[in-house]
């Protein structure tokens, strides 16, 4: 009987050890799953944080876009006033005052990120709006012949494209 009891005791110990190993393996798998979930949640949080920071910077950069767009009509009116021909001294003084106002206005717009789209010879659909095509002996096909209305951008976003005529 002693041998039987030893065998039974050994079987019980093996069974207990197997149960403990299974329990350890189960707990290790659960730990690995929780680590994986934690890592994924942490990575998702970091991505959201980066996206929110990017959106915040974008919102700050383009916050004045609508306001600046509305002021472009005023800018056009001041430029038209400066281009009027003057004959007498009073008109010249008024024109000089309007020019000073226009210069100050442009400086303030530039301070807030609004700038004139530079004139280029080559037509760029991202910066220009072709109003019509003209025949021109002095220009190659696709080149800007004349600027009809100046364009402006804030940061790298066009708020009003330059309206141009383009050579055929």
N, C-alpha and C. Protein backbone atom coordinates (compact mmCIF):
# COMPACT_ATOMS: atom_id res chain seq x y z
N UNK A 1 0.81 -1.20 0.00
CA UNK A 1 0.00 0.00 0.00
C UNK A 1 0.85 1.26 0.00
N UNK A 2 1.93 1.21 0.59
CA UNK A 2 2.81 2.35 0.65
C UNK A 2 3.20 2.81 -0.75
N UNK A 3 3.46 1.85 -1.59
CA UNK A 3 3.82 2.18 -2.97
C UNK A 3 2.64 2.82 -3.69
N UNK A 4 1.48 2.31 -3.42
CA UNK A 4 0.28 2.88 -4.04
C UNK A 4 0.05 4.31 -3.58
N UNK A 5 0.25 4.53 -2.34
CA UNK A 5 0.08 5.87 -1.79
C UNK A 5 1.12 6.83 -2.36
N UNK A 6 2.34 6.35 -2.51
CA UNK A 6 3.39 7.18 -3.11
C UNK A 6 3.06 7.53 -4.55
N UNK A 7 2.57 6.54 -5.27
CA UNK A 7 2.19 6.78 -6.67
C UNK A 7 1.04 7.79 -6.75
N UNK A 8 0.08 7.59 -5.86
CA UNK A 8 -1.07 8.50 -5.83
C UNK A 8 -0.61 9.90 -5.46
N UNK A 9 0.27 9.98 -4.49
CA UNK A 9 0.81 11.26 -4.05
C UNK A 9 1.59 11.92 -5.18
N UNK A 10 2.38 11.16 -5.88
CA UNK A 10 3.14 11.68 -7.04
C UNK A 10 2.21 12.17 -8.14
N UNK A 11 1.16 11.39 -8.41
CA UNK A 11 0.19 11.78 -9.43
C UNK A 11 -0.50 13.09 -9.05
N UNK A 12 -0.83 13.19 -7.75
CA UNK A 12 -1.48 14.42 -7.27
C UNK A 12 -0.53 15.61 -7.39
N UNK A 13 0.75 15.38 -7.07
CA UNK A 13 1.73 16.47 -7.18
C UNK A 13 1.93 16.87 -8.64
N UNK A 14 1.99 15.89 -9.51
CA UNK A 14 2.12 16.18 -10.96
C UNK A 14 0.90 16.95 -11.45
N UNK A 15 -0.26 16.48 -11.00
CA UNK A 15 -1.51 17.15 -11.40
C UNK A 15 -1.52 18.58 -10.87
N UNK A 16 -1.09 18.75 -9.63
CA UNK A 16 -1.05 20.08 -9.03
C UNK A 16 -0.04 20.98 -9.77
N UNK A 17 1.11 20.39 -10.12
CA UNK A 17 2.14 21.13 -10.83
C UNK A 17 1.64 21.52 -12.22
N UNK A 18 0.95 20.60 -12.88
CA UNK A 18 0.39 20.88 -14.21
C UNK A 18 -0.65 21.99 -14.11
N UNK A 19 -1.49 21.94 -13.09
CA UNK A 19 -2.49 22.98 -12.88
C UNK A 19 -1.83 24.33 -12.63
N UNK A 20 -0.76 24.32 -11.83
CA UNK A 20 -0.04 25.56 -11.55
C UNK A 20 0.60 26.11 -12.83
N UNK A 21 1.19 25.22 -13.63
CA UNK A 21 1.80 25.64 -14.90
C UNK A 21 0.75 26.21 -15.84
N UNK A 22 -0.41 25.56 -15.90
CA UNK A 22 -1.51 26.05 -16.74
C UNK A 22 -1.98 27.42 -16.25
N UNK A 23 -2.06 27.56 -14.94
CA UNK A 23 -2.49 28.84 -14.35
C UNK A 23 -1.46 29.93 -14.64
N UNK A 24 -0.16 29.59 -14.53
CA UNK A 24 0.90 30.55 -14.82
C UNK A 24 0.85 30.95 -16.30
N UNK A 25 0.67 29.97 -17.17
CA UNK A 25 0.58 30.25 -18.62
C UNK A 25 -0.63 31.13 -18.92
N UNK A 26 -1.74 30.83 -18.27
CA UNK A 26 -2.97 31.62 -18.46
C UNK A 26 -2.74 33.07 -18.00
N UNK A 27 -2.13 33.21 -16.82
CA UNK A 27 -1.85 34.55 -16.30
C UNK A 27 -0.84 35.29 -17.18
N UNK A 28 0.15 34.59 -17.70
CA UNK A 28 1.15 35.21 -18.60
C UNK A 28 0.48 35.69 -19.88
N UNK A 29 -0.41 34.89 -20.44
CA UNK A 29 -1.16 35.30 -21.64
C UNK A 29 -2.02 36.52 -21.37
N UNK A 30 -2.66 36.52 -20.20
CA UNK A 30 -3.50 37.66 -19.84
C UNK A 30 -2.64 38.92 -19.66
N UNK A 31 -1.47 38.75 -19.04
CA UNK A 31 -0.54 39.87 -18.88
C UNK A 31 -0.09 40.40 -20.24
N UNK A 32 0.24 39.52 -21.15
CA UNK A 32 0.66 39.93 -22.51
C UNK A 32 -0.45 40.67 -23.24
N UNK A 33 -1.68 40.19 -23.09
CA UNK A 33 -2.83 40.86 -23.72
C UNK A 33 -3.00 42.27 -23.14
N UNK A 34 -2.90 42.39 -21.83
CA UNK A 34 -3.05 43.69 -21.19
C UNK A 34 -1.92 44.64 -21.59
N UNK A 35 -0.70 44.11 -21.68
CA UNK A 35 0.42 44.94 -22.15
C UNK A 35 0.16 45.44 -23.57
N UNK A 36 -0.32 44.55 -24.43
CA UNK A 36 -0.61 44.91 -25.82
C UNK A 36 -1.70 45.99 -25.88
N UNK A 37 -2.76 45.80 -25.10
CA UNK A 37 -3.84 46.80 -25.06
C UNK A 37 -3.32 48.15 -24.56
N UNK A 38 -2.47 48.10 -23.53
CA UNK A 38 -1.88 49.32 -22.99
C UNK A 38 -1.04 50.03 -24.05
N UNK A 39 -0.19 49.29 -24.74
CA UNK A 39 0.68 49.87 -25.76
C UNK A 39 -0.15 50.50 -26.90
N UNK A 40 -1.19 49.80 -27.31
CA UNK A 40 -2.05 50.32 -28.37
C UNK A 40 -2.78 51.59 -27.92
N UNK A 41 -3.32 51.56 -26.70
CA UNK A 41 -4.03 52.74 -26.18
C UNK A 41 -3.08 53.92 -26.04
N UNK A 42 -1.87 53.65 -25.59
CA UNK A 42 -0.88 54.71 -25.42
C UNK A 42 -0.49 55.30 -26.79
N UNK A 43 -0.29 54.44 -27.79
CA UNK A 43 0.06 54.91 -29.13
C UNK A 43 -1.09 55.72 -29.73
N UNK A 44 -2.32 55.27 -29.50
CA UNK A 44 -3.48 56.00 -30.01
C UNK A 44 -3.58 57.37 -29.34
N UNK A 45 -3.32 57.42 -28.04
CA UNK A 45 -3.33 58.68 -27.31
C UNK A 45 -2.28 59.64 -27.88
N UNK A 46 -1.08 59.15 -28.13
CA UNK A 46 -0.01 59.98 -28.69
C UNK A 46 -0.39 60.50 -30.07
N UNK A 47 -1.02 59.66 -30.89
CA UNK A 47 -1.46 60.09 -32.23
C UNK A 47 -2.52 61.18 -32.13
N UNK A 48 -3.45 61.01 -31.22
CA UNK A 48 -4.50 62.02 -31.04
C UNK A 48 -3.89 63.32 -30.56
N UNK A 49 -2.94 63.22 -29.64
CA UNK A 49 -2.26 64.41 -29.11
C UNK A 49 -1.54 65.16 -30.23
N UNK A 50 -0.83 64.44 -31.09
CA UNK A 50 -0.12 65.06 -32.21
C UNK A 50 -1.10 65.70 -33.19
N UNK A 51 -2.21 65.00 -33.49
CA UNK A 51 -3.21 65.53 -34.41
C UNK A 51 -3.84 66.81 -33.86
N UNK A 52 -4.15 66.81 -32.56
CA UNK A 52 -4.75 67.99 -31.95
C UNK A 52 -3.78 69.17 -31.99
N UNK A 53 -2.50 68.92 -31.76
CA UNK A 53 -1.49 69.99 -31.81
C UNK A 53 -1.39 70.55 -33.23
N UNK A 54 -1.42 69.66 -34.21
CA UNK A 54 -1.36 70.08 -35.61
C UNK A 54 -2.59 70.92 -35.97
N UNK A 55 -3.76 70.47 -35.54
CA UNK A 55 -5.00 71.21 -35.81
C UNK A 55 -4.99 72.57 -35.11
N UNK A 56 -4.45 72.62 -33.92
CA UNK A 56 -4.36 73.87 -33.17
C UNK A 56 -3.47 74.87 -33.92
N UNK A 57 -2.31 74.41 -34.39
CA UNK A 57 -1.40 75.28 -35.13
C UNK A 57 -2.04 75.76 -36.44
N UNK A 58 -2.76 74.86 -37.10
CA UNK A 58 -3.45 75.22 -38.34
C UNK A 58 -4.54 76.25 -38.07
N UNK A 59 -5.30 76.04 -37.01
CA UNK A 59 -6.37 76.99 -36.67
C UNK A 59 -5.80 78.36 -36.35
N UNK A 60 -4.66 78.39 -35.67
CA UNK A 60 -4.04 79.67 -35.34
C UNK A 60 -3.51 80.35 -36.60
N UNK A 61 -2.94 79.58 -37.51
CA UNK A 61 -2.36 80.15 -38.72
C UNK A 61 -3.43 80.73 -39.64
N UNK A 62 -4.58 80.07 -39.69
CA UNK A 62 -5.62 80.49 -40.63
C UNK A 62 -6.82 81.15 -39.95
N UNK A 63 -6.68 81.56 -38.70
CA UNK A 63 -7.80 82.16 -37.95
C UNK A 63 -8.30 83.44 -38.60
N UNK A 64 -7.41 84.21 -39.19
CA UNK A 64 -7.79 85.51 -39.77
C UNK A 64 -8.15 85.41 -41.26
N UNK A 65 -8.23 84.22 -41.79
CA UNK A 65 -8.45 84.06 -43.22
C UNK A 65 -9.73 84.74 -43.71
N UNK A 66 -10.84 84.50 -43.06
CA UNK A 66 -12.11 85.09 -43.49
C UNK A 66 -12.08 86.61 -43.39
N UNK A 67 -11.53 87.12 -42.30
CA UNK A 67 -11.43 88.56 -42.10
C UNK A 67 -10.53 89.19 -43.17
N UNK A 68 -9.39 88.56 -43.42
CA UNK A 68 -8.45 89.07 -44.43
C UNK A 68 -9.09 89.04 -45.81
N UNK A 69 -9.84 88.00 -46.10
CA UNK A 69 -10.51 87.89 -47.40
C UNK A 69 -11.49 89.05 -47.60
N UNK A 70 -12.20 89.41 -46.54
CA UNK A 70 -13.15 90.53 -46.61
C UNK A 70 -12.44 91.86 -46.83
N UNK A 71 -11.23 92.00 -46.32
CA UNK A 71 -10.49 93.26 -46.45
C UNK A 71 -9.86 93.44 -47.84
N UNK A 72 -9.80 92.39 -48.63
CA UNK A 72 -9.19 92.51 -49.95
C UNK A 72 -9.94 93.48 -50.85
N UNK A 73 -11.24 93.60 -50.68
CA UNK A 73 -12.03 94.57 -51.47
C UNK A 73 -11.61 96.00 -51.12
N UNK A 74 -11.34 96.24 -49.84
CA UNK A 74 -10.88 97.57 -49.40
C UNK A 74 -9.51 97.85 -50.02
N UNK A 75 -8.66 96.85 -50.01
CA UNK A 75 -7.33 96.97 -50.60
C UNK A 75 -7.43 97.31 -52.09
N UNK A 76 -8.33 96.63 -52.79
CA UNK A 76 -8.52 96.90 -54.22
C UNK A 76 -9.00 98.34 -54.45
N UNK A 77 -9.89 98.82 -53.58
CA UNK A 77 -10.40 100.19 -53.72
C UNK A 77 -9.28 101.21 -53.50
N UNK A 78 -8.43 100.96 -52.53
CA UNK A 78 -7.30 101.87 -52.29
C UNK A 78 -6.33 101.86 -53.47
N UNK A 79 -6.07 100.69 -54.03
CA UNK A 79 -5.18 100.61 -55.20
C UNK A 79 -5.78 101.34 -56.39
N UNK A 80 -7.09 101.23 -56.57
CA UNK A 80 -7.75 101.93 -57.67
C UNK A 80 -7.64 103.45 -57.47
N UNK A 81 -7.77 103.90 -56.22
CA UNK A 81 -7.65 105.34 -55.93
C UNK A 81 -6.23 105.83 -56.22
N UNK A 82 -5.24 105.04 -55.94
CA UNK A 82 -3.85 105.42 -56.19
C UNK A 82 -3.56 105.49 -57.69
N UNK A 83 -4.26 104.71 -58.48
CA UNK A 83 -4.01 104.67 -59.93
C UNK A 83 -4.75 105.75 -60.71
N UNK A 84 -5.55 106.57 -60.04
CA UNK A 84 -6.27 107.66 -60.70
C UNK A 84 -5.27 108.75 -61.10
N UNK A 85 -5.43 109.28 -62.30
CA UNK A 85 -4.57 110.37 -62.78
C UNK A 85 -4.94 111.66 -62.07
N UNK A 86 -3.93 112.40 -61.62
CA UNK A 86 -4.16 113.65 -60.91
C UNK A 86 -3.51 114.80 -61.68
N UNK A 87 -4.21 115.93 -61.70
CA UNK A 87 -3.70 117.10 -62.42
C UNK A 87 -3.25 118.20 -61.48
N UNK A 88 -4.03 118.44 -60.42
CA UNK A 88 -3.71 119.58 -59.54
C UNK A 88 -3.00 119.12 -58.27
N UNK A 89 -2.52 120.12 -57.54
CA UNK A 89 -1.71 119.85 -56.35
C UNK A 89 -2.52 119.19 -55.24
N UNK A 90 -3.74 119.56 -55.05
CA UNK A 90 -4.59 118.99 -54.00
C UNK A 90 -4.85 117.50 -54.28
N UNK A 91 -5.15 117.19 -55.53
CA UNK A 91 -5.37 115.79 -55.91
C UNK A 91 -4.12 114.95 -55.69
N UNK A 92 -2.95 115.54 -55.99
CA UNK A 92 -1.69 114.83 -55.78
C UNK A 92 -1.45 114.55 -54.29
N UNK A 93 -1.80 115.53 -53.43
CA UNK A 93 -1.66 115.34 -51.98
C UNK A 93 -2.60 114.25 -51.48
N UNK A 94 -3.83 114.26 -51.99
CA UNK A 94 -4.80 113.22 -51.60
C UNK A 94 -4.30 111.85 -52.06
N UNK A 95 -3.78 111.80 -53.28
CA UNK A 95 -3.25 110.55 -53.81
C UNK A 95 -2.08 110.05 -52.96
N UNK A 96 -1.23 110.97 -52.53
CA UNK A 96 -0.10 110.61 -51.67
C UNK A 96 -0.58 110.05 -50.33
N UNK A 97 -1.64 110.65 -49.77
CA UNK A 97 -2.22 110.16 -48.51
C UNK A 97 -2.83 108.77 -48.68
N UNK A 98 -3.50 108.57 -49.80
CA UNK A 98 -4.08 107.24 -50.08
C UNK A 98 -2.96 106.21 -50.24
N UNK A 99 -1.86 106.59 -50.91
CA UNK A 99 -0.72 105.68 -51.08
C UNK A 99 -0.11 105.31 -49.73
N UNK A 100 0.02 106.29 -48.84
CA UNK A 100 0.55 106.02 -47.50
C UNK A 100 -0.38 105.07 -46.73
N UNK A 101 -1.68 105.29 -46.87
CA UNK A 101 -2.67 104.42 -46.23
C UNK A 101 -2.57 103.01 -46.78
N UNK A 102 -2.43 102.90 -48.10
CA UNK A 102 -2.31 101.59 -48.76
C UNK A 102 -1.04 100.86 -48.27
N UNK A 103 0.06 101.59 -48.19
CA UNK A 103 1.32 100.98 -47.72
C UNK A 103 1.18 100.48 -46.28
N UNK A 104 0.57 101.28 -45.42
CA UNK A 104 0.37 100.89 -44.03
C UNK A 104 -0.56 99.68 -43.94
N UNK A 105 -1.60 99.70 -44.74
CA UNK A 105 -2.57 98.61 -44.77
C UNK A 105 -1.88 97.30 -45.17
N UNK A 106 -1.03 97.36 -46.20
CA UNK A 106 -0.30 96.17 -46.65
C UNK A 106 0.66 95.67 -45.57
N UNK A 107 1.33 96.57 -44.87
CA UNK A 107 2.24 96.17 -43.80
C UNK A 107 1.49 95.44 -42.69
N UNK A 108 0.31 95.93 -42.35
CA UNK A 108 -0.49 95.31 -41.29
C UNK A 108 -0.99 93.93 -41.74
N UNK A 109 -1.39 93.81 -43.00
CA UNK A 109 -1.82 92.51 -43.50
C UNK A 109 -0.65 91.52 -43.49
N UNK A 110 0.53 91.98 -43.92
CA UNK A 110 1.71 91.11 -43.93
C UNK A 110 2.10 90.69 -42.52
N UNK A 111 1.90 91.57 -41.56
CA UNK A 111 2.19 91.25 -40.16
C UNK A 111 1.35 90.07 -39.70
N UNK A 112 0.15 89.95 -40.25
CA UNK A 112 -0.76 88.87 -39.88
C UNK A 112 -0.75 87.72 -40.88
N UNK A 113 0.30 87.65 -41.70
CA UNK A 113 0.50 86.49 -42.57
C UNK A 113 -0.10 86.60 -43.95
N UNK A 114 -0.76 87.71 -44.27
CA UNK A 114 -1.36 87.88 -45.59
C UNK A 114 -0.31 88.51 -46.50
N UNK A 115 -0.07 87.88 -47.64
CA UNK A 115 0.91 88.45 -48.56
C UNK A 115 0.43 88.32 -50.00
N UNK A 116 0.98 89.18 -50.81
CA UNK A 116 0.67 89.22 -52.24
C UNK A 116 1.28 88.00 -52.90
N UNK A 117 0.53 87.37 -53.80
CA UNK A 117 1.09 86.27 -54.58
C UNK A 117 2.01 86.88 -55.62
N UNK A 118 3.25 86.44 -55.61
CA UNK A 118 4.24 86.99 -56.53
C UNK A 118 3.87 86.74 -57.98
N UNK A 119 4.22 87.70 -58.82
CA UNK A 119 3.92 87.55 -60.25
C UNK A 119 4.92 86.59 -60.88
N UNK A 120 4.38 85.62 -61.59
CA UNK A 120 5.21 84.66 -62.30
C UNK A 120 4.82 84.67 -63.76
N UNK A 121 5.77 84.31 -64.59
CA UNK A 121 5.51 84.28 -66.03
C UNK A 121 4.68 83.05 -66.41
N UNK A 122 4.95 81.93 -65.74
CA UNK A 122 4.27 80.68 -66.06
C UNK A 122 2.94 80.59 -65.30
N UNK A 123 1.88 80.19 -65.99
CA UNK A 123 0.57 80.03 -65.38
C UNK A 123 0.60 78.86 -64.41
N UNK A 124 0.14 79.08 -63.18
CA UNK A 124 0.05 78.04 -62.15
C UNK A 124 -1.39 77.97 -61.67
N UNK A 125 -2.10 76.89 -61.96
CA UNK A 125 -3.52 76.80 -61.56
C UNK A 125 -3.73 76.84 -60.04
N UNK A 126 -2.68 76.59 -59.27
CA UNK A 126 -2.80 76.68 -57.81
C UNK A 126 -2.79 78.12 -57.32
N UNK A 127 -2.22 79.03 -58.13
CA UNK A 127 -2.10 80.43 -57.73
C UNK A 127 -2.91 81.38 -58.61
N UNK A 128 -3.22 80.93 -59.82
CA UNK A 128 -3.87 81.81 -60.80
C UNK A 128 -5.24 81.30 -61.20
N UNK A 129 -6.05 82.25 -61.63
CA UNK A 129 -7.33 81.92 -62.24
C UNK A 129 -7.32 82.56 -63.62
N UNK A 130 -7.38 81.74 -64.65
CA UNK A 130 -7.35 82.25 -66.02
C UNK A 130 -8.73 82.80 -66.36
N UNK A 131 -8.79 84.10 -66.65
CA UNK A 131 -10.06 84.73 -66.98
C UNK A 131 -10.36 84.55 -68.47
N UNK A 132 -9.31 84.63 -69.28
CA UNK A 132 -9.46 84.38 -70.71
C UNK A 132 -8.09 84.13 -71.34
N UNK A 133 -8.12 83.58 -72.56
CA UNK A 133 -6.90 83.31 -73.31
C UNK A 133 -6.79 84.34 -74.43
N UNK A 134 -5.57 84.79 -74.68
CA UNK A 134 -5.34 85.80 -75.72
C UNK A 134 -4.19 85.34 -76.62
N UNK A 135 -4.22 85.84 -77.86
CA UNK A 135 -3.10 85.60 -78.77
C UNK A 135 -2.02 86.61 -78.43
N UNK A 136 -0.79 86.14 -78.33
CA UNK A 136 0.32 87.04 -78.02
C UNK A 136 1.57 86.57 -78.73
N UNK A 137 2.20 87.51 -79.44
CA UNK A 137 3.44 87.19 -80.13
C UNK A 137 4.62 87.23 -79.16
N UNK A 138 4.48 87.95 -78.04
CA UNK A 138 5.57 88.13 -77.07
C UNK A 138 5.62 87.04 -76.00
N UNK A 139 4.61 86.17 -75.95
CA UNK A 139 4.52 85.16 -74.90
C UNK A 139 4.34 83.76 -75.49
N UNK A 140 4.89 82.79 -74.81
CA UNK A 140 4.69 81.39 -75.19
C UNK A 140 3.32 80.94 -74.69
N UNK A 141 2.83 79.86 -75.25
CA UNK A 141 1.55 79.29 -74.82
C UNK A 141 1.63 78.90 -73.34
N UNK A 142 0.63 79.29 -72.58
CA UNK A 142 0.58 78.97 -71.16
C UNK A 142 1.22 80.00 -70.25
N UNK A 143 1.78 81.05 -70.83
CA UNK A 143 2.37 82.10 -70.02
C UNK A 143 1.34 83.17 -69.68
N UNK A 144 1.55 83.82 -68.54
CA UNK A 144 0.67 84.90 -68.10
C UNK A 144 0.98 86.13 -68.94
N UNK A 145 -0.06 86.69 -69.57
CA UNK A 145 0.11 87.89 -70.39
C UNK A 145 -0.07 89.13 -69.52
N UNK A 146 -1.16 89.16 -68.74
CA UNK A 146 -1.39 90.32 -67.87
C UNK A 146 -2.16 89.90 -66.62
N UNK A 147 -1.97 90.69 -65.57
CA UNK A 147 -2.66 90.47 -64.30
C UNK A 147 -3.88 91.39 -64.27
N UNK A 148 -5.04 90.79 -64.09
CA UNK A 148 -6.28 91.56 -64.04
C UNK A 148 -6.65 91.94 -62.60
N UNK A 149 -6.36 91.05 -61.67
CA UNK A 149 -6.62 91.33 -60.26
C UNK A 149 -5.56 90.57 -59.44
N UNK A 150 -4.95 91.27 -58.49
CA UNK A 150 -3.90 90.66 -57.68
C UNK A 150 -4.48 89.57 -56.79
N UNK A 151 -3.64 88.57 -56.53
CA UNK A 151 -4.03 87.47 -55.66
C UNK A 151 -3.27 87.55 -54.35
N UNK A 152 -3.84 86.93 -53.32
CA UNK A 152 -3.24 86.97 -51.99
C UNK A 152 -3.32 85.60 -51.35
N UNK A 153 -2.40 85.37 -50.44
CA UNK A 153 -2.40 84.12 -49.68
C UNK A 153 -2.09 84.41 -48.23
N UNK A 154 -2.57 83.52 -47.37
CA UNK A 154 -2.26 83.61 -45.95
C UNK A 154 -1.52 82.32 -45.62
N UNK A 155 -0.32 82.48 -45.08
CA UNK A 155 0.60 81.35 -44.89
C UNK A 155 0.80 80.70 -46.26
N UNK A 156 0.46 79.45 -46.43
CA UNK A 156 0.62 78.81 -47.73
C UNK A 156 -0.72 78.53 -48.42
N UNK A 157 -1.79 79.10 -47.91
CA UNK A 157 -3.13 78.89 -48.46
C UNK A 157 -3.58 80.11 -49.26
N UNK A 158 -4.02 79.89 -50.49
CA UNK A 158 -4.49 80.97 -51.35
C UNK A 158 -5.87 81.40 -50.87
N UNK A 159 -6.01 82.72 -50.58
CA UNK A 159 -7.34 83.21 -50.18
C UNK A 159 -8.04 83.89 -51.35
N UNK A 160 -7.25 84.32 -52.32
CA UNK A 160 -7.82 84.79 -53.58
C UNK A 160 -6.76 84.60 -54.66
N UNK A 161 -7.10 83.82 -55.69
CA UNK A 161 -6.11 83.59 -56.75
C UNK A 161 -5.91 84.85 -57.59
N UNK A 162 -4.75 84.96 -58.20
CA UNK A 162 -4.46 86.07 -59.10
C UNK A 162 -5.25 85.83 -60.38
N UNK A 163 -6.06 86.82 -60.78
CA UNK A 163 -6.83 86.69 -62.02
C UNK A 163 -5.99 87.20 -63.16
N UNK A 164 -5.78 86.34 -64.17
CA UNK A 164 -4.84 86.67 -65.24
C UNK A 164 -5.42 86.33 -66.60
N UNK A 165 -4.79 86.92 -67.62
CA UNK A 165 -5.04 86.49 -68.99
C UNK A 165 -3.85 85.63 -69.39
N UNK A 166 -4.10 84.58 -70.16
CA UNK A 166 -3.07 83.62 -70.51
C UNK A 166 -2.91 83.53 -72.02
N UNK A 167 -1.67 83.39 -72.47
CA UNK A 167 -1.39 83.26 -73.90
C UNK A 167 -1.86 81.90 -74.40
N UNK A 168 -2.42 81.90 -75.62
CA UNK A 168 -2.87 80.65 -76.24
C UNK A 168 -1.69 79.85 -76.71
